[in-house]
Amino acid sequence: MLAGSALGILVSLTSIGAGALGAVLLIYLYPLRMKPAKLVGTDIAHAIPLAFVAGLGHLAIGNVNIVLLGNLQIGSVPGIVLGSYLASRAPDNFIRYALAAVLLFVGIWMLIL
């Protein structure tokens, strides 16, 4: 619960993706028990309500560009369908390395900015 609280605060304050932080958190909490596809699925199932609630807070105080939000949603839905399909059929090692590469890229990007 403490880790979830910290994640919620960080996502709301920094806008770092709940998925990126959540994946790292789940890897640390369950390093041996989670297969990569299950890790990604659990992380997404947690990130959706977390991002929704954080988004409602920002919407309430006027920090949301509705047109941009709509465009992001239109572009994201095909990616979600394709990613879910691939995650359930790809080898575990591929998902593990892809997840590591994305997290590494996001970490470096955050250091640069």
PDB file of N, CA and C in Angstrom:
ATOM      1  N   MET A   1       0.824  -1.187   0.000  1.00  0.00           N
ATOM      2  CA  MET A   1       0.000   0.000   0.000  1.00  0.00           C
ATOM      3  C   MET A   1       0.864   1.245   0.000  1.00  0.00           C
ATOM      4  N   LEU A   2       1.975   1.184   0.686  1.00  0.00           N
ATOM      5  CA  LEU A   2       2.880   2.325   0.726  1.00  0.00           C
ATOM      6  C   LEU A   2       3.451   2.603  -0.665  1.00  0.00           C
ATOM      7  N   ALA A   3       3.819   1.542  -1.373  1.00  0.00           N
ATOM      8  CA  ALA A   3       4.354   1.704  -2.726  1.00  0.00           C
ATOM      9  C   ALA A   3       3.286   2.279  -3.658  1.00  0.00           C
ATOM     10  N   GLY A   4       2.048   1.817  -3.518  1.00  0.00           N
ATOM     11  CA  GLY A   4       0.960   2.345  -4.335  1.00  0.00           C
ATOM     12  C   GLY A   4       0.689   3.810  -4.051  1.00  0.00           C
ATOM     13  N   SER A   5       0.766   4.199  -2.790  1.00  0.00           N
ATOM     14  CA  SER A   5       0.582   5.609  -2.433  1.00  0.00           C
ATOM     15  C   SER A   5       1.673   6.477  -3.041  1.00  0.00           C
ATOM     16  N   ALA A   6       2.902   6.008  -2.940  1.00  0.00           N
ATOM     17  CA  ALA A   6       4.026   6.761  -3.516  1.00  0.00           C
ATOM     18  C   ALA A   6       3.861   6.883  -5.032  1.00  0.00           C
ATOM     19  N   LEU A   7       3.437   5.809  -5.663  1.00  0.00           N
ATOM     20  CA  LEU A   7       3.231   5.828  -7.111  1.00  0.00           C
ATOM     21  C   LEU A   7       2.144   6.831  -7.488  1.00  0.00           C
ATOM     22  N   GLY A   8       1.048   6.835  -6.766  1.00  0.00           N
ATOM     23  CA  GLY A   8      -0.030   7.777  -7.049  1.00  0.00           C
ATOM     24  C   GLY A   8       0.411   9.223  -6.901  1.00  0.00           C
ATOM     25  N   ILE A   9       1.173   9.508  -5.866  1.00  0.00           N
ATOM     26  CA  ILE A   9       1.665  10.874  -5.653  1.00  0.00           C
ATOM     27  C   ILE A   9       2.620  11.275  -6.774  1.00  0.00           C
ATOM     28  N   LEU A  10       3.552  10.392  -7.126  1.00  0.00           N
ATOM     29  CA  LEU A  10       4.520  10.711  -8.178  1.00  0.00           C
ATOM     30  C   LEU A  10       3.852  10.933  -9.527  1.00  0.00           C
ATOM     31  N   VAL A  11       2.877  10.105  -9.862  1.00  0.00           N
ATOM     32  CA  VAL A  11       2.185  10.254 -11.141  1.00  0.00           C
ATOM     33  C   VAL A  11       1.416  11.567 -11.189  1.00  0.00           C
ATOM     34  N   SER A  12       0.750  11.928 -10.103  1.00  0.00           N
ATOM     35  CA  SER A  12      -0.026  13.164 -10.073  1.00  0.00           C
ATOM     36  C   SER A  12       0.855  14.405 -10.122  1.00  0.00           C
ATOM     37  N   LEU A  13       1.986  14.361  -9.449  1.00  0.00           N
ATOM     38  CA  LEU A  13       2.854  15.540  -9.379  1.00  0.00           C
ATOM     39  C   LEU A  13       3.777  15.704 -10.581  1.00  0.00           C
ATOM     40  N   THR A  14       4.303  14.599 -11.091  1.00  0.00           N
ATOM     41  CA  THR A  14       5.353  14.696 -12.106  1.00  0.00           C
ATOM     42  C   THR A  14       4.882  14.379 -13.515  1.00  0.00           C
ATOM     43  N   SER A  15       3.744  13.741 -13.654  1.00  0.00           N
ATOM     44  CA  SER A  15       3.229  13.323 -14.954  1.00  0.00           C
ATOM     45  C   SER A  15       4.080  12.228 -15.590  1.00  0.00           C
ATOM     46  N   ILE A  16       4.960  11.621 -14.815  1.00  0.00           N
ATOM     47  CA  ILE A  16       5.675  10.448 -15.318  1.00  0.00           C
ATOM     48  C   ILE A  16       4.648   9.341 -15.444  1.00  0.00           C
ATOM     49  N   GLY A  17       4.707   8.583 -16.499  1.00  0.00           N
ATOM     50  CA  GLY A  17       3.698   7.578 -16.749  1.00  0.00           C
ATOM     51  C   GLY A  17       3.562   6.557 -15.641  1.00  0.00           C
ATOM     52  N   ALA A  18       2.328   6.268 -15.292  1.00  0.00           N
ATOM     53  CA  ALA A  18       2.055   5.259 -14.274  1.00  0.00           C
ATOM     54  C   ALA A  18       2.593   3.907 -14.713  1.00  0.00           C
ATOM     55  N   GLY A  19       2.594   3.655 -16.003  1.00  0.00           N
ATOM     56  CA  GLY A  19       3.109   2.384 -16.501  1.00  0.00           C
ATOM     57  C   GLY A  19       4.602   2.243 -16.301  1.00  0.00           C
ATOM     58  N   ALA A  20       5.355   3.291 -16.576  1.00  0.00           N
ATOM     59  CA  ALA A  20       6.814   3.226 -16.432  1.00  0.00           C
ATOM     60  C   ALA A  20       7.203   3.044 -14.976  1.00  0.00           C
ATOM     61  N   LEU A  21       6.618   3.830 -14.114  1.00  0.00           N
ATOM     62  CA  LEU A  21       6.939   3.706 -12.687  1.00  0.00           C
ATOM     63  C   LEU A  21       6.387   2.408 -12.106  1.00  0.00           C
ATOM     64  N   GLY A  22       5.185   2.048 -12.514  1.00  0.00           N
ATOM     65  CA  GLY A  22       4.562   0.838 -11.996  1.00  0.00           C
ATOM     66  C   GLY A  22       5.319  -0.418 -12.389  1.00  0.00           C
ATOM     67  N   ALA A  23       5.827  -0.451 -13.616  1.00  0.00           N
ATOM     68  CA  ALA A  23       6.586  -1.622 -14.064  1.00  0.00           C
ATOM     69  C   ALA A  23       7.845  -1.799 -13.232  1.00  0.00           C
ATOM     70  N   VAL A  24       8.548  -0.712 -12.976  1.00  0.00           N
ATOM     71  CA  VAL A  24       9.753  -0.787 -12.157  1.00  0.00           C
ATOM     72  C   VAL A  24       9.398  -1.256 -10.747  1.00  0.00           C
ATOM     73  N   LEU A  25       8.327  -0.709 -10.211  1.00  0.00           N
ATOM     74  CA  LEU A  25       7.888  -1.086  -8.872  1.00  0.00           C
ATOM     75  C   LEU A  25       7.533  -2.574  -8.807  1.00  0.00           C
ATOM     76  N   LEU A  26       6.801  -3.069  -9.786  1.00  0.00           N
ATOM     77  CA  LEU A  26       6.430  -4.484  -9.797  1.00  0.00           C
ATOM     78  C   LEU A  26       7.645  -5.388  -9.965  1.00  0.00           C
ATOM     79  N   ILE A  27       8.622  -4.956 -10.761  1.00  0.00           N
ATOM     80  CA  ILE A  27       9.837  -5.756 -10.937  1.00  0.00           C
ATOM     81  C   ILE A  27      10.583  -5.869  -9.606  1.00  0.00           C
ATOM     82  N   TYR A  28      10.640  -4.771  -8.854  1.00  0.00           N
ATOM     83  CA  TYR A  28      11.310  -4.821  -7.546  1.00  0.00           C
ATOM     84  C   TYR A  28      10.523  -5.638  -6.531  1.00  0.00           C
ATOM     85  N   LEU A  29       9.199  -5.542  -6.553  1.00  0.00           N
ATOM     86  CA  LEU A  29       8.400  -6.276  -5.578  1.00  0.00           C
ATOM     87  C   LEU A  29       8.322  -7.768  -5.880  1.00  0.00           C
ATOM     88  N   TYR A  30       8.280  -8.123  -7.166  1.00  0.00           N
ATOM     89  CA  TYR A  30       8.121  -9.524  -7.567  1.00  0.00           C
ATOM     90  C   TYR A  30       9.147  -9.895  -8.638  1.00  0.00           C
ATOM     91  N   PRO A  31      10.426  -9.937  -8.319  1.00  0.00           N
ATOM     92  CA  PRO A  31      11.431 -10.162  -9.356  1.00  0.00           C
ATOM     93  C   PRO A  31      11.420 -11.554  -9.973  1.00  0.00           C
ATOM     94  N   LEU A  32      10.962 -12.549  -9.257  1.00  0.00           N
ATOM     95  CA  LEU A  32      11.036 -13.918  -9.766  1.00  0.00           C
ATOM     96  C   LEU A  32       9.676 -14.518 -10.100  1.00  0.00           C
ATOM     97  N   ARG A  33       8.610 -13.938  -9.589  1.00  0.00           N
ATOM     98  CA  ARG A  33       7.304 -14.575  -9.719  1.00  0.00           C
ATOM     99  C   ARG A  33       6.497 -14.122 -10.924  1.00  0.00           C
ATOM    100  N   MET A  34       6.857 -13.027 -11.552  1.00  0.00           N
ATOM    101  CA  MET A  34       6.016 -12.502 -12.624  1.00  0.00           C
ATOM    102  C   MET A  34       6.644 -12.742 -13.984  1.00  0.00           C
ATOM    103  N   LYS A  35       5.873 -13.370 -14.872  1.00  0.00           N
ATOM    104  CA  LYS A  35       6.303 -13.496 -16.246  1.00  0.00           C
ATOM    105  C   LYS A  35       6.119 -12.128 -16.904  1.00  0.00           C
ATOM    106  N   PRO A  36       6.901 -11.817 -17.927  1.00  0.00           N
ATOM    107  CA  PRO A  36       6.816 -10.495 -18.546  1.00  0.00           C
ATOM    108  C   PRO A  36       5.416 -10.097 -19.018  1.00  0.00           C
ATOM    109  N   ALA A  37       4.690 -11.006 -19.649  1.00  0.00           N
ATOM    110  CA  ALA A  37       3.343 -10.665 -20.127  1.00  0.00           C
ATOM    111  C   ALA A  37       2.410 -10.352 -18.958  1.00  0.00           C
ATOM    112  N   LYS A  38       2.537 -11.089 -17.865  1.00  0.00           N
ATOM    113  CA  LYS A  38       1.709 -10.840 -16.688  1.00  0.00           C
ATOM    114  C   LYS A  38       2.102  -9.525 -16.017  1.00  0.00           C
ATOM    115  N   LEU A  39       3.397  -9.227 -16.014  1.00  0.00           N
ATOM    116  CA  LEU A  39       3.875  -7.953 -15.471  1.00  0.00           C
ATOM    117  C   LEU A  39       3.271  -6.789 -16.240  1.00  0.00           C
ATOM    118  N   VAL A  40       3.332  -6.855 -17.561  1.00  0.00           N
ATOM    119  CA  VAL A  40       2.784  -5.776 -18.393  1.00  0.00           C
ATOM    120  C   VAL A  40       1.278  -5.662 -18.191  1.00  0.00           C
ATOM    121  N   GLY A  41       0.573  -6.781 -18.184  1.00  0.00           N
ATOM    122  CA  GLY A  41      -0.874  -6.744 -17.994  1.00  0.00           C
ATOM    123  C   GLY A  41      -1.280  -6.188 -16.638  1.00  0.00           C
ATOM    124  N   THR A  42      -0.588  -6.615 -15.588  1.00  0.00           N
ATOM    125  CA  THR A  42      -0.876  -6.111 -14.239  1.00  0.00           C
ATOM    126  C   THR A  42      -0.586  -4.625 -14.153  1.00  0.00           C
ATOM    127  N   ASP A  43       0.522  -4.213 -14.740  1.00  0.00           N
ATOM    128  CA  ASP A  43       0.903  -2.804 -14.724  1.00  0.00           C
ATOM    129  C   ASP A  43      -0.135  -1.942 -15.443  1.00  0.00           C
ATOM    130  N   ILE A  44      -0.602  -2.382 -16.582  1.00  0.00           N
ATOM    131  CA  ILE A  44      -1.603  -1.625 -17.334  1.00  0.00           C
ATOM    132  C   ILE A  44      -2.925  -1.583 -16.583  1.00  0.00           C
ATOM    133  N   ALA A  45      -3.325  -2.714 -16.015  1.00  0.00           N
ATOM    134  CA  ALA A  45      -4.585  -2.739 -15.262  1.00  0.00           C
ATOM    135  C   ALA A  45      -4.531  -1.796 -14.063  1.00  0.00           C
ATOM    136  N   HIS A  46      -3.354  -1.588 -13.508  1.00  0.00           N
ATOM    137  CA  HIS A  46      -3.197  -0.639 -12.409  1.00  0.00           C
ATOM    138  C   HIS A  46      -3.077   0.792 -12.922  1.00  0.00           C
ATOM    139  N   ALA A  47      -2.379   0.972 -14.032  1.00  0.00           N
ATOM    140  CA  ALA A  47      -2.119   2.323 -14.545  1.00  0.00           C
ATOM    141  C   ALA A  47      -3.386   3.012 -15.051  1.00  0.00           C
ATOM    142  N   ILE A  48      -4.311   2.258 -15.605  1.00  0.00           N
ATOM    143  CA  ILE A  48      -5.513   2.885 -16.180  1.00  0.00           C
ATOM    144  C   ILE A  48      -6.324   3.619 -15.120  1.00  0.00           C
ATOM    145  N   PRO A  49      -6.732   2.971 -14.027  1.00  0.00           N
ATOM    146  CA  PRO A  49      -7.487   3.740 -13.034  1.00  0.00           C
ATOM    147  C   PRO A  49      -6.656   4.825 -12.358  1.00  0.00           C
ATOM    148  N   LEU A  50      -5.368   4.565 -12.163  1.00  0.00           N
ATOM    149  CA  LEU A  50      -4.501   5.568 -11.541  1.00  0.00           C
ATOM    150  C   LEU A  50      -4.421   6.818 -12.408  1.00  0.00           C
ATOM    151  N   ALA A  51      -4.170   6.643 -13.687  1.00  0.00           N
ATOM    152  CA  ALA A  51      -4.096   7.786 -14.601  1.00  0.00           C
ATOM    153  C   ALA A  51      -5.452   8.471 -14.734  1.00  0.00           C
ATOM    154  N   PHE A  52      -6.527   7.692 -14.709  1.00  0.00           N
ATOM    155  CA  PHE A  52      -7.876   8.268 -14.816  1.00  0.00           C
ATOM    156  C   PHE A  52      -8.169   9.197 -13.636  1.00  0.00           C
ATOM    157  N   VAL A  53      -7.865   8.735 -12.438  1.00  0.00           N
ATOM    158  CA  VAL A  53      -8.122   9.554 -11.249  1.00  0.00           C
ATOM    159  C   VAL A  53      -7.228  10.787 -11.240  1.00  0.00           C
ATOM    160  N   ALA A  54      -5.955  10.613 -11.579  1.00  0.00           N
ATOM    161  CA  ALA A  54      -5.050  11.767 -11.645  1.00  0.00           C
ATOM    162  C   ALA A  54      -5.522  12.745 -12.716  1.00  0.00           C
ATOM    163  N   GLY A  55      -5.989  12.216 -13.847  1.00  0.00           N
ATOM    164  CA  GLY A  55      -6.509  13.068 -14.911  1.00  0.00           C
ATOM    165  C   GLY A  55      -7.751  13.836 -14.501  1.00  0.00           C
ATOM    166  N   LEU A  56      -8.624  13.195 -13.740  1.00  0.00           N
ATOM    167  CA  LEU A  56      -9.815  13.897 -13.247  1.00  0.00           C
ATOM    168  C   LEU A  56      -9.429  15.068 -12.347  1.00  0.00           C
ATOM    169  N   GLY A  57      -8.397  14.870 -11.541  1.00  0.00           N
ATOM    170  CA  GLY A  57      -7.922  15.957 -10.692  1.00  0.00           C
ATOM    171  C   GLY A  57      -7.419  17.131 -11.520  1.00  0.00           C
ATOM    172  N   HIS A  58      -6.657  16.841 -12.556  1.00  0.00           N
ATOM    173  CA  HIS A  58      -6.152  17.912 -13.420  1.00  0.00           C
ATOM    174  C   HIS A  58      -7.274  18.540 -14.249  1.00  0.00           C
ATOM    175  N   LEU A  59      -8.243  17.728 -14.643  1.00  0.00           N
ATOM    176  CA  LEU A  59      -9.405  18.262 -15.367  1.00  0.00           C
ATOM    177  C   LEU A  59     -10.179  19.233 -14.482  1.00  0.00           C
ATOM    178  N   ALA A  60     -10.325  18.893 -13.226  1.00  0.00           N
ATOM    179  CA  ALA A  60     -11.083  19.733 -12.293  1.00  0.00           C
ATOM    180  C   ALA A  60     -10.430  21.102 -12.092  1.00  0.00           C
ATOM    181  N   ILE A  61      -9.113  21.172 -12.212  1.00  0.00           N
ATOM    182  CA  ILE A  61      -8.449  22.468 -12.020  1.00  0.00           C
ATOM    183  C   ILE A  61      -8.072  23.135 -13.345  1.00  0.00           C
ATOM    184  N   GLY A  62      -8.545  22.572 -14.456  1.00  0.00           N
ATOM    185  CA  GLY A  62      -8.388  23.224 -15.760  1.00  0.00           C
ATOM    186  C   GLY A  62      -7.065  23.006 -16.455  1.00  0.00           C
ATOM    187  N   ASN A  63      -6.367  21.934 -16.150  1.00  0.00           N
ATOM    188  CA  ASN A  63      -5.063  21.667 -16.762  1.00  0.00           C
ATOM    189  C   ASN A  63      -5.115  20.671 -17.912  1.00  0.00           C
ATOM    190  N   VAL A  64      -6.263  20.499 -18.564  1.00  0.00           N
ATOM    191  CA  VAL A  64      -6.396  19.490 -19.610  1.00  0.00           C
ATOM    192  C   VAL A  64      -6.798  20.154 -20.922  1.00  0.00           C
ATOM    193  N   ASN A  65      -6.073  19.833 -21.990  1.00  0.00           N
ATOM    194  CA  ASN A  65      -6.423  20.264 -23.344  1.00  0.00           C
ATOM    195  C   ASN A  65      -7.293  19.158 -23.947  1.00  0.00           C
ATOM    196  N   ILE A  66      -8.587  19.405 -24.025  1.00  0.00           N
ATOM    197  CA  ILE A  66      -9.546  18.370 -24.438  1.00  0.00           C
ATOM    198  C   ILE A  66      -9.304  17.893 -25.869  1.00  0.00           C
ATOM    199  N   VAL A  67      -8.979  18.791 -26.790  1.00  0.00           N
ATOM    200  CA  VAL A  67      -8.735  18.397 -28.186  1.00  0.00           C
ATOM    201  C   VAL A  67      -7.511  17.491 -28.272  1.00  0.00           C
ATOM    202  N   LEU A  68      -6.448  17.874 -27.601  1.00  0.00           N
ATOM    203  CA  LEU A  68      -5.241  17.053 -27.590  1.00  0.00           C
ATOM    204  C   LEU A  68      -5.519  15.693 -26.947  1.00  0.00           C
ATOM    205  N   LEU A  69      -6.279  15.686 -25.863  1.00  0.00           N
ATOM    206  CA  LEU A  69      -6.651  14.433 -25.206  1.00  0.00           C
ATOM    207  C   LEU A  69      -7.393  13.505 -26.161  1.00  0.00           C
ATOM    208  N   GLY A  70      -8.346  14.057 -26.912  1.00  0.00           N
ATOM    209  CA  GLY A  70      -9.088  13.245 -27.890  1.00  0.00           C
ATOM    210  C   GLY A  70      -8.177  12.662 -28.954  1.00  0.00           C
ATOM    211  N   ASN A  71      -7.255  13.469 -29.474  1.00  0.00           N
ATOM    212  CA  ASN A  71      -6.323  12.973 -30.490  1.00  0.00           C
ATOM    213  C   ASN A  71      -5.417  11.882 -29.935  1.00  0.00           C
ATOM    214  N   LEU A  72      -4.965  12.040 -28.711  1.00  0.00           N
ATOM    215  CA  LEU A  72      -4.141  11.002 -28.091  1.00  0.00           C
ATOM    216  C   LEU A  72      -4.920   9.694 -27.938  1.00  0.00           C
ATOM    217  N   GLN A  73      -6.179   9.798 -27.549  1.00  0.00           N
ATOM    218  CA  GLN A  73      -6.996   8.595 -27.383  1.00  0.00           C
ATOM    219  C   GLN A  73      -7.218   7.881 -28.718  1.00  0.00           C
ATOM    220  N   ILE A  74      -7.490   8.655 -29.768  1.00  0.00           N
ATOM    221  CA  ILE A  74      -7.708   8.055 -31.091  1.00  0.00           C
ATOM    222  C   ILE A  74      -6.459   7.314 -31.557  1.00  0.00           C
ATOM    223  N   GLY A  75      -5.303   7.874 -31.293  1.00  0.00           N
ATOM    224  CA  GLY A  75      -4.066   7.219 -31.690  1.00  0.00           C
ATOM    225  C   GLY A  75      -3.672   6.060 -30.795  1.00  0.00           C
ATOM    226  N   SER A  76      -4.084   6.095 -29.550  1.00  0.00           N
ATOM    227  CA  SER A  76      -3.667   5.072 -28.586  1.00  0.00           C
ATOM    228  C   SER A  76      -4.426   3.764 -28.713  1.00  0.00           C
ATOM    229  N   VAL A  77      -5.680   3.810 -29.082  1.00  0.00           N
ATOM    230  CA  VAL A  77      -6.501   2.589 -29.102  1.00  0.00           C
ATOM    231  C   VAL A  77      -5.923   1.517 -30.031  1.00  0.00           C
ATOM    232  N   PRO A  78      -5.542   1.842 -31.281  1.00  0.00           N
ATOM    233  CA  PRO A  78      -4.935   0.785 -32.116  1.00  0.00           C
ATOM    234  C   PRO A  78      -3.640   0.236 -31.502  1.00  0.00           C
ATOM    235  N   GLY A  79      -2.853   1.087 -30.862  1.00  0.00           N
ATOM    236  CA  GLY A  79      -1.626   0.625 -30.220  1.00  0.00           C
ATOM    237  C   GLY A  79      -1.901  -0.314 -29.058  1.00  0.00           C
ATOM    238  N   ILE A  80      -2.955  -0.050 -28.315  1.00  0.00           N
ATOM    239  CA  ILE A  80      -3.327  -0.918 -27.199  1.00  0.00           C
ATOM    240  C   ILE A  80      -3.719  -2.296 -27.703  1.00  0.00           C
ATOM    241  N   VAL A  81      -4.532  -2.326 -28.750  1.00  0.00           N
ATOM    242  CA  VAL A  81      -4.985  -3.608 -29.302  1.00  0.00           C
ATOM    243  C   VAL A  81      -3.795  -4.401 -29.832  1.00  0.00           C
ATOM    244  N   LEU A  82      -2.938  -3.744 -30.613  1.00  0.00           N
ATOM    245  CA  LEU A  82      -1.774  -4.429 -31.178  1.00  0.00           C
ATOM    246  C   LEU A  82      -0.802  -4.874 -30.087  1.00  0.00           C
ATOM    247  N   GLY A  83      -0.524  -4.005 -29.129  1.00  0.00           N
ATOM    248  CA  GLY A  83       0.393  -4.356 -28.046  1.00  0.00           C
ATOM    249  C   GLY A  83      -0.103  -5.515 -27.208  1.00  0.00           C
ATOM    250  N   SER A  84      -1.401  -5.536 -26.906  1.00  0.00           N
ATOM    251  CA  SER A  84      -1.971  -6.642 -26.126  1.00  0.00           C
ATOM    252  C   SER A  84      -1.871  -7.952 -26.890  1.00  0.00           C
ATOM    253  N   TYR A  85      -2.121  -7.890 -28.178  1.00  0.00           N
ATOM    254  CA  TYR A  85      -2.027  -9.083 -29.025  1.00  0.00           C
ATOM    255  C   TYR A  85      -0.598  -9.614 -29.034  1.00  0.00           C
ATOM    256  N   LEU A  86       0.364  -8.707 -29.243  1.00  0.00           N
ATOM    257  CA  LEU A  86       1.759  -9.125 -29.313  1.00  0.00           C
ATOM    258  C   LEU A  86       2.274  -9.627 -27.966  1.00  0.00           C
ATOM    259  N   ALA A  87       1.876  -8.975 -26.873  1.00  0.00           N
ATOM    260  CA  ALA A  87       2.366  -9.378 -25.551  1.00  0.00           C
ATOM    261  C   ALA A  87       1.928 -10.784 -25.183  1.00  0.00           C
ATOM    262  N   SER A  88       0.752 -11.179 -25.641  1.00  0.00           N
ATOM    263  CA  SER A  88       0.268 -12.516 -25.297  1.00  0.00           C
ATOM    264  C   SER A  88       0.896 -13.599 -26.173  1.00  0.00           C
ATOM    265  N   ARG A  89       1.545 -13.211 -27.276  1.00  0.00           N
ATOM    266  CA  ARG A  89       2.104 -14.199 -28.188  1.00  0.00           C
ATOM    267  C   ARG A  89       3.627 -14.144 -28.318  1.00  0.00           C
ATOM    268  N   ALA A  90       4.239 -13.088 -27.838  1.00  0.00           N
ATOM    269  CA  ALA A  90       5.688 -12.939 -27.973  1.00  0.00           C
ATOM    270  C   ALA A  90       6.410 -13.761 -26.910  1.00  0.00           C
ATOM    271  N   PRO A  91       7.627 -14.182 -27.213  1.00  0.00           N
ATOM    272  CA  PRO A  91       8.411 -14.912 -26.209  1.00  0.00           C
ATOM    273  C   PRO A  91       8.724 -14.014 -25.007  1.00  0.00           C
ATOM    274  N   ASP A  92       8.853 -14.633 -23.840  1.00  0.00           N
ATOM    275  CA  ASP A  92       9.124 -13.881 -22.608  1.00  0.00           C
ATOM    276  C   ASP A  92      10.390 -13.037 -22.712  1.00  0.00           C
ATOM    277  N   ASN A  93      11.440 -13.588 -23.316  1.00  0.00           N
ATOM    278  CA  ASN A  93      12.689 -12.828 -23.425  1.00  0.00           C
ATOM    279  C   ASN A  93      12.520 -11.573 -24.264  1.00  0.00           C
ATOM    280  N   PHE A  94      11.747 -11.651 -25.323  1.00  0.00           N
ATOM    281  CA  PHE A  94      11.507 -10.473 -26.157  1.00  0.00           C
ATOM    282  C   PHE A  94      10.809  -9.380 -25.360  1.00  0.00           C
ATOM    283  N   ILE A  95       9.788  -9.757 -24.627  1.00  0.00           N
ATOM    284  CA  ILE A  95       9.045  -8.770 -23.823  1.00  0.00           C
ATOM    285  C   ILE A  95       9.955  -8.195 -22.739  1.00  0.00           C
ATOM    286  N   ARG A  96      10.751  -9.052 -22.116  1.00  0.00           N
ATOM    287  CA  ARG A  96      11.659  -8.594 -21.055  1.00  0.00           C
ATOM    288  C   ARG A  96      12.642  -7.562 -21.599  1.00  0.00           C
ATOM    289  N   TYR A  97      13.249  -7.837 -22.746  1.00  0.00           N
ATOM    290  CA  TYR A  97      14.217  -6.897 -23.321  1.00  0.00           C
ATOM    291  C   TYR A  97      13.528  -5.635 -23.850  1.00  0.00           C
ATOM    292  N   ALA A  98      12.351  -5.786 -24.424  1.00  0.00           N
ATOM    293  CA  ALA A  98      11.625  -4.609 -24.903  1.00  0.00           C
ATOM    294  C   ALA A  98      11.247  -3.702 -23.734  1.00  0.00           C
ATOM    295  N   LEU A  99      10.780  -4.281 -22.653  1.00  0.00           N
ATOM    296  CA  LEU A  99      10.422  -3.503 -21.466  1.00  0.00           C
ATOM    297  C   LEU A  99      11.656  -2.816 -20.888  1.00  0.00           C
ATOM    298  N   ALA A 100      12.765  -3.520 -20.816  1.00  0.00           N
ATOM    299  CA  ALA A 100      14.007  -2.925 -20.311  1.00  0.00           C
ATOM    300  C   ALA A 100      14.464  -1.775 -21.197  1.00  0.00           C
ATOM    301  N   ALA A 101      14.345  -1.939 -22.505  1.00  0.00           N
ATOM    302  CA  ALA A 101      14.758  -0.880 -23.431  1.00  0.00           C
ATOM    303  C   ALA A 101      13.886   0.360 -23.276  1.00  0.00           C
ATOM    304  N   VAL A 102      12.590   0.167 -23.144  1.00  0.00           N
ATOM    305  CA  VAL A 102      11.690   1.309 -22.977  1.00  0.00           C
ATOM    306  C   VAL A 102      11.980   2.028 -21.664  1.00  0.00           C
ATOM    307  N   LEU A 103      12.140   1.289 -20.586  1.00  0.00           N
ATOM    308  CA  LEU A 103      12.435   1.907 -19.292  1.00  0.00           C
ATOM    309  C   LEU A 103      13.782   2.627 -19.310  1.00  0.00           C
ATOM    310  N   LEU A 104      14.774   2.049 -19.954  1.00  0.00           N
ATOM    311  CA  LEU A 104      16.070   2.699 -20.077  1.00  0.00           C
ATOM    312  C   LEU A 104      15.950   3.997 -20.877  1.00  0.00           C
ATOM    313  N   PHE A 105      15.225   3.942 -21.989  1.00  0.00           N
ATOM    314  CA  PHE A 105      15.017   5.134 -22.814  1.00  0.00           C
ATOM    315  C   PHE A 105      14.314   6.233 -22.017  1.00  0.00           C
ATOM    316  N   VAL A 106      13.258   5.880 -21.304  1.00  0.00           N
ATOM    317  CA  VAL A 106      12.524   6.869 -20.513  1.00  0.00           C
ATOM    318  C   VAL A 106      13.418   7.451 -19.420  1.00  0.00           C
ATOM    319  N   GLY A 107      14.215   6.609 -18.770  1.00  0.00           N
ATOM    320  CA  GLY A 107      15.114   7.095 -17.731  1.00  0.00           C
ATOM    321  C   GLY A 107      16.151   8.066 -18.275  1.00  0.00           C
ATOM    322  N   ILE A 108      16.752   7.734 -19.412  1.00  0.00           N
ATOM    323  CA  ILE A 108      17.735   8.634 -20.022  1.00  0.00           C
ATOM    324  C   ILE A 108      17.069   9.927 -20.469  1.00  0.00           C
ATOM    325  N   TRP A 109      15.893   9.806 -21.054  1.00  0.00           N
ATOM    326  CA  TRP A 109      15.155  10.985 -21.509  1.00  0.00           C
ATOM    327  C   TRP A 109      14.851  11.935 -20.338  1.00  0.00           C
ATOM    328  N   MET A 110      14.455  11.350 -19.213  1.00  0.00           N
ATOM    329  CA  MET A 110      14.161  12.173 -18.047  1.00  0.00           C
ATOM    330  C   MET A 110      15.425  12.866 -17.516  1.00  0.00           C
ATOM    331  N   LEU A 111      16.561  12.210 -17.596  1.00  0.00           N
ATOM    332  CA  LEU A 111      17.816  12.824 -17.161  1.00  0.00           C
ATOM    333  C   LEU A 111      18.228  13.965 -18.087  1.00  0.00           C
ATOM    334  N   ILE A 112      17.980  13.805 -19.370  1.00  0.00           N
ATOM    335  CA  ILE A 112      18.361  14.836 -20.341  1.00  0.00           C
ATOM    336  C   ILE A 112      17.507  16.080 -20.176  1.00  0.00           C
ATOM    337  N   LEU A 113      16.214  15.879 -19.985  1.00  0.00           N
ATOM    338  CA  LEU A 113      15.315  17.023 -19.863  1.00  0.00           C
ATOM    339  C   LEU A 113      15.426  17.563 -18.500  1.00  0.00           C
TER     340      LEU A 113
END
